[in-house]
Amino acid sequence: MSWLRYVNLSDEYERRARFLPALFALLPLVPIGVMLGDAFAAWWKVLLGGVGLGAVISVGLSHLASAFGNRLQGQLWPRWPHDAPTNEALNPRYASVSTQRREQYYDAVNAVVGIDLRKAIASGSEAEVEAAINDSVSVVRGRLDQSSHGTRLRRFNIDYGYARNLTGMRAVWLGLATLGAAAGWTIFALRPEEELPWPIVSSAVALASWPIAFVVLPGYVRAKARYYTEAFYLALMSLAESKKKASRGKG
C-alpha cells in the first residue's frame, strides 16, 4: 500500500521490529477503553481524524520504539558495538567461540571483504583490532543484506529488533499498565454498573508486567542476540564458500 511506504511501514523490519512493540506498549489501555465504551471510541476518532495524523502517530511510535531499543542496547552492551556478540566472536580477548572456529571466521572475513584480522591482531593494538573487527562486521552485514545468503539472517534480525525494542519500551508499557489498573478501579468506583472483571484484568496485567519486564525480557533479548550472531556467521561462512567456488570455477 502506498500509505505504508509513505509512513515507512512497508518494510517488514519497520512493521515487526519497531511498530509492533510500540503498538504492544499501548495494549494496557484496552480494558480502560472497554469500560469507557463510546466515550473512548469518540476520543480516538477525534485523535485520528486529522489529515495524516494517523500516519504521523505510526511513524512517531516506530521511532520511539527504536530510540528506547537503542537505549536498552547500550545498557546491555555498554561498549557497543565492540562488546556486541557479533564483534566478540572475532576478538581473541573473548572466549565466546573456540580458537579453531574463530580461525575459520577470519578466513571467511578475508574471503568476503578482504580484511586480514590476523594482521590487525599481530599489530598488538587493541584499538586497531576492535576497529578492524567492526569494519569487517559492518561490511559483511551489508554484503549479506544484498545476498540470498542473508535471507535467514534477516528473520533473526527482525526477531532481535522486536525483542530489543519491546524490552526497551518497558518503561512505557509498565507505566500504562499501572495507570490502567488505577483507572480501572477508579472508573468502577464511580460507575458501579461497570463489570468487575475489567479492573481485575488490568490489575493482573500490571502485576505480571513487572517480573516480565525486569526478569524475563533482558535474558530474552540476549538470547535473540545470540541467535542472530549464530545466523550471522553461518551466513558468512556460506557466502565465503560460494565465493571460493566461483573463483575455482573461473580458474
Protein backbone atom coordinates (compact mmCIF):
# COMPACT_ATOMS: atom_id res chain seq x y z
CA MET A 1 0.00 0.00 0.00
CA SER A 2 1.23 3.49 -0.87
CA TRP A 3 0.42 4.91 2.57
CA LEU A 4 2.55 2.21 4.18
CA ARG A 5 5.51 3.28 2.05
CA TYR A 6 4.80 6.89 2.95
CA VAL A 7 4.99 6.21 6.68
CA ASN A 8 7.96 3.85 6.24
CA LEU A 9 5.95 0.78 7.34
CA SER A 10 6.10 -1.13 4.05
CA ASP A 11 9.38 -2.68 5.22
CA GLU A 12 8.93 -5.84 7.30
CA TYR A 13 11.54 -4.76 9.83
CA GLU A 14 9.81 -1.43 10.35
CA ARG A 15 6.46 -3.12 10.95
CA ARG A 16 7.51 -6.03 13.14
CA ALA A 17 10.59 -4.74 14.97
CA ARG A 18 9.52 -1.12 15.51
CA PHE A 19 5.81 -0.52 15.05
CA LEU A 20 4.52 -3.70 16.73
CA PRO A 21 6.46 -3.18 20.00
CA ALA A 22 5.14 0.39 20.14
CA LEU A 23 1.62 -0.86 19.49
CA PHE A 24 2.04 -3.53 22.16
CA ALA A 25 3.00 -0.84 24.67
CA LEU A 26 -0.48 0.68 24.25
CA LEU A 27 -2.37 -2.58 24.93
CA PRO A 28 -2.74 -1.92 28.69
CA LEU A 29 -5.19 0.85 27.71
CA VAL A 30 -7.61 -1.65 26.13
CA PRO A 31 -9.51 -2.51 29.35
CA ILE A 32 -9.99 1.21 30.04
CA GLY A 33 -11.29 1.67 26.51
CA VAL A 34 -13.78 -1.15 27.00
CA MET A 35 -15.01 0.34 30.29
CA LEU A 36 -15.36 3.82 28.82
CA GLY A 37 -17.09 2.44 25.75
CA ASP A 38 -18.46 5.11 23.40
CA ALA A 39 -16.60 7.91 25.15
CA PHE A 40 -13.24 6.29 24.41
CA ALA A 41 -14.23 5.48 20.82
CA ALA A 42 -15.26 9.09 20.20
CA TRP A 43 -11.98 10.39 21.64
CA TRP A 44 -9.98 8.00 19.47
CA LYS A 45 -11.84 9.08 16.33
CA VAL A 46 -11.12 12.71 17.11
CA LEU A 47 -7.44 11.94 17.66
CA LEU A 48 -7.07 10.11 14.33
CA GLY A 49 -9.48 12.31 12.44
CA GLY A 50 -6.93 14.87 11.31
CA VAL A 51 -5.49 14.53 7.82
CA GLY A 52 -2.38 12.39 8.07
CA LEU A 53 -2.42 12.37 11.86
CA GLY A 54 -2.71 8.59 11.98
CA ALA A 55 0.36 8.30 9.78
CA VAL A 56 2.27 10.75 11.96
CA ILE A 57 1.39 8.73 15.06
CA SER A 58 2.51 5.50 13.35
CA VAL A 59 5.88 6.96 12.40
CA GLY A 60 6.30 8.54 15.83
CA LEU A 61 5.59 5.27 17.63
CA SER A 62 8.03 3.38 15.41
CA HIS A 63 10.86 5.84 16.03
CA LEU A 64 10.04 5.94 19.74
CA ALA A 65 10.36 2.16 19.93
CA SER A 66 13.69 2.31 18.08
CA ALA A 67 15.01 5.02 20.40
CA PHE A 68 14.05 3.07 23.52
CA GLY A 69 15.54 -0.09 21.98
CA ASN A 70 18.86 1.62 21.26
CA ARG A 71 18.97 2.89 24.83
CA LEU A 72 18.45 -0.63 26.19
CA GLN A 73 21.09 -1.98 23.82
CA GLY A 74 23.57 0.49 25.28
CA GLN A 75 22.71 -0.71 28.78
CA LEU A 76 23.13 -4.41 27.96
CA TRP A 77 26.34 -3.89 25.96
CA PRO A 78 27.98 -0.70 27.31
CA ARG A 79 30.81 -0.70 24.73
CA TRP A 80 28.57 -1.36 21.74
CA PRO A 81 29.47 -2.32 19.06
CA HIS A 82 32.80 -3.66 20.38
CA ASP A 83 31.20 -5.86 23.04
CA ALA A 84 28.32 -6.92 20.80
CA PRO A 85 28.11 -10.72 20.35
CA THR A 86 28.94 -10.49 16.62
CA ASN A 87 32.10 -8.49 17.33
CA GLU A 88 33.15 -10.54 20.36
CA ALA A 89 33.13 -13.70 18.27
CA LEU A 90 36.09 -12.33 16.28
CA ASN A 91 38.05 -10.87 19.19
CA PRO A 92 40.69 -13.23 20.70
CA ARG A 93 40.24 -11.50 24.07
CA TYR A 94 36.86 -13.23 24.46
CA ALA A 95 36.18 -16.94 24.73
CA SER A 96 32.70 -16.88 23.20
CA VAL A 97 33.83 -19.26 20.43
CA SER A 98 36.67 -21.77 20.10
CA THR A 99 40.00 -20.75 18.61
CA GLN A 100 39.57 -23.15 15.68
CA ARG A 101 36.14 -21.74 14.87
CA ARG A 102 37.42 -18.19 15.12
CA GLU A 103 40.20 -19.02 12.66
CA GLN A 104 37.55 -20.18 10.21
CA TYR A 105 35.74 -16.89 10.69
CA TYR A 106 38.98 -14.98 9.94
CA ASP A 107 39.37 -16.88 6.67
CA ALA A 108 35.74 -16.21 5.74
CA VAL A 109 36.02 -12.48 6.52
CA ASN A 110 39.17 -12.22 4.43
CA ALA A 111 37.49 -14.04 1.53
CA VAL A 112 34.38 -11.83 1.62
CA VAL A 113 35.68 -8.34 2.47
CA GLY A 114 39.46 -8.63 2.11
CA ILE A 115 40.28 -7.60 5.70
CA ASP A 116 43.07 -9.62 7.33
CA LEU A 117 42.11 -9.75 11.00
CA ARG A 118 45.21 -11.79 11.88
CA LYS A 119 47.33 -8.87 10.72
CA ALA A 120 45.37 -6.49 12.95
CA ILE A 121 45.83 -8.82 15.92
CA ALA A 122 49.56 -9.12 15.23
CA SER A 123 49.86 -5.32 15.44
CA GLY A 124 49.31 -5.55 19.18
CA SER A 125 46.95 -2.56 19.17
CA GLU A 126 43.59 -3.31 20.78
CA ALA A 127 42.11 -0.21 19.16
CA GLU A 128 43.20 -1.47 15.72
CA VAL A 129 41.78 -4.93 16.45
CA GLU A 130 38.42 -3.52 17.51
CA ALA A 131 38.29 -1.15 14.52
CA ALA A 132 39.18 -3.94 12.06
CA ILE A 133 36.57 -6.25 13.60
CA ASN A 134 33.87 -3.59 13.48
CA ASP A 135 34.74 -2.73 9.87
CA SER A 136 34.56 -6.42 8.99
CA VAL A 137 31.20 -6.99 10.65
CA SER A 138 29.71 -3.85 9.13
CA VAL A 139 30.82 -4.70 5.59
CA VAL A 140 29.80 -8.36 5.91
CA ARG A 141 26.36 -7.30 7.15
CA GLY A 142 25.96 -5.07 4.11
CA ARG A 143 27.07 -7.83 1.74
CA LEU A 144 24.70 -10.32 3.33
CA ASP A 145 21.83 -7.85 3.15
CA GLN A 146 22.25 -7.80 -0.63
CA SER A 147 22.77 -11.56 -0.92
CA SER A 148 20.47 -14.58 -0.92
CA HIS A 149 22.68 -15.96 1.86
CA GLY A 150 21.25 -13.32 4.19
CA THR A 151 17.59 -14.36 3.83
CA ARG A 152 17.54 -16.39 7.04
CA LEU A 153 19.64 -13.77 8.82
CA ARG A 154 17.05 -11.07 8.13
CA ARG A 155 14.45 -13.06 10.06
CA PHE A 156 16.75 -13.28 13.08
CA ASN A 157 17.49 -9.57 12.79
CA ILE A 158 13.76 -8.80 12.93
CA ASP A 159 13.33 -11.12 15.95
CA TYR A 160 16.19 -9.39 17.77
CA GLY A 161 14.89 -5.93 16.88
CA TYR A 162 11.43 -6.81 18.16
CA ALA A 163 12.76 -8.21 21.46
CA ARG A 164 15.10 -5.25 21.97
CA ASN A 165 12.51 -2.57 21.23
CA LEU A 166 9.76 -4.27 23.21
CA THR A 167 12.02 -4.53 26.24
CA GLY A 168 13.33 -1.03 25.69
CA MET A 169 9.77 0.32 25.87
CA ARG A 170 9.07 -1.38 29.20
CA ALA A 171 9.01 1.97 30.99
CA VAL A 172 6.12 2.97 28.72
CA TRP A 173 4.00 -0.16 28.98
CA LEU A 174 4.74 -0.61 32.68
CA GLY A 175 3.55 2.93 33.31
CA LEU A 176 0.45 2.45 31.18
CA ALA A 177 -0.30 -0.89 32.83
CA THR A 178 -0.08 0.68 36.28
CA LEU A 179 -2.15 3.64 35.15
CA GLY A 180 -4.66 1.27 33.55
CA ALA A 181 -5.14 -0.65 36.79
CA ALA A 182 -5.65 2.54 38.82
CA ALA A 183 -8.00 3.99 36.20
CA GLY A 184 -9.97 0.74 36.00
CA TRP A 185 -10.72 0.70 39.73
CA THR A 186 -11.47 4.43 39.68
CA ILE A 187 -13.99 4.02 36.86
CA PHE A 188 -15.54 1.04 38.64
CA ALA A 189 -15.85 3.06 41.87
CA LEU A 190 -17.52 5.96 40.05
CA ARG A 191 -19.68 3.78 37.85
CA PRO A 192 -20.58 0.63 39.80
CA GLU A 193 -22.62 -0.65 36.88
CA GLU A 194 -19.36 -1.41 35.09
CA GLU A 195 -18.33 -5.06 35.01
CA LEU A 196 -15.89 -6.05 37.75
CA PRO A 197 -13.65 -8.33 35.60
CA TRP A 198 -12.07 -5.41 33.70
CA PRO A 199 -10.30 -3.74 36.65
CA ILE A 200 -9.27 -7.20 37.82
CA VAL A 201 -7.77 -7.89 34.41
CA SER A 202 -5.98 -4.53 34.46
CA SER A 203 -4.52 -5.28 37.89
CA ALA A 204 -3.39 -8.75 36.82
CA VAL A 205 -1.69 -7.29 33.74
CA ALA A 206 0.07 -4.65 35.83
CA LEU A 207 1.31 -7.17 38.40
CA ALA A 208 2.54 -9.63 35.76
CA SER A 209 4.27 -6.91 33.75
CA TRP A 210 6.93 -6.10 36.35
CA PRO A 211 8.64 -9.53 36.61
CA ILE A 212 8.30 -9.99 32.86
CA ALA A 213 9.94 -6.61 32.22
CA PHE A 214 12.93 -6.98 34.54
CA VAL A 215 13.41 -10.75 34.98
CA VAL A 216 12.32 -12.40 31.73
CA LEU A 217 12.83 -9.93 28.88
CA PRO A 218 16.52 -8.91 29.37
CA GLY A 219 17.55 -12.56 29.05
CA TYR A 220 15.21 -12.88 26.09
CA VAL A 221 16.99 -10.01 24.32
CA ARG A 222 20.40 -11.56 24.97
CA ALA A 223 19.19 -14.91 23.66
CA LYS A 224 17.87 -13.31 20.47
CA ALA A 225 21.22 -11.51 20.03
CA ARG A 226 23.00 -14.85 20.38
CA TYR A 227 20.71 -16.49 17.81
CA TYR A 228 21.35 -13.58 15.44
CA THR A 229 25.11 -13.98 15.89
CA GLU A 230 24.97 -17.68 15.11
CA ALA A 231 22.90 -17.00 12.00
CA PHE A 232 25.27 -14.18 11.00
CA TYR A 233 28.34 -16.41 10.97
CA LEU A 234 26.56 -19.31 9.29
CA ALA A 235 25.56 -16.89 6.53
CA LEU A 236 29.11 -15.51 6.38
CA MET A 237 30.60 -19.00 6.00
CA SER A 238 28.08 -19.82 3.31
CA LEU A 239 28.83 -16.61 1.40
CA ALA A 240 32.59 -17.19 1.67
CA GLU A 241 32.22 -20.74 0.38
CA SER A 242 30.17 -19.57 -2.58
CA LYS A 243 32.88 -17.02 -3.44
CA LYS A 244 35.55 -19.68 -3.27
CA LYS A 245 33.55 -21.94 -5.59
CA ALA A 246 33.03 -19.06 -8.01
CA SER A 247 36.79 -18.36 -8.01
CA ARG A 248 37.60 -22.02 -8.66
CA GLY A 249 35.07 -22.04 -11.49
CA LYS A 250 36.75 -19.08 -13.18
CA GLY A 251 40.15 -20.70 -12.73
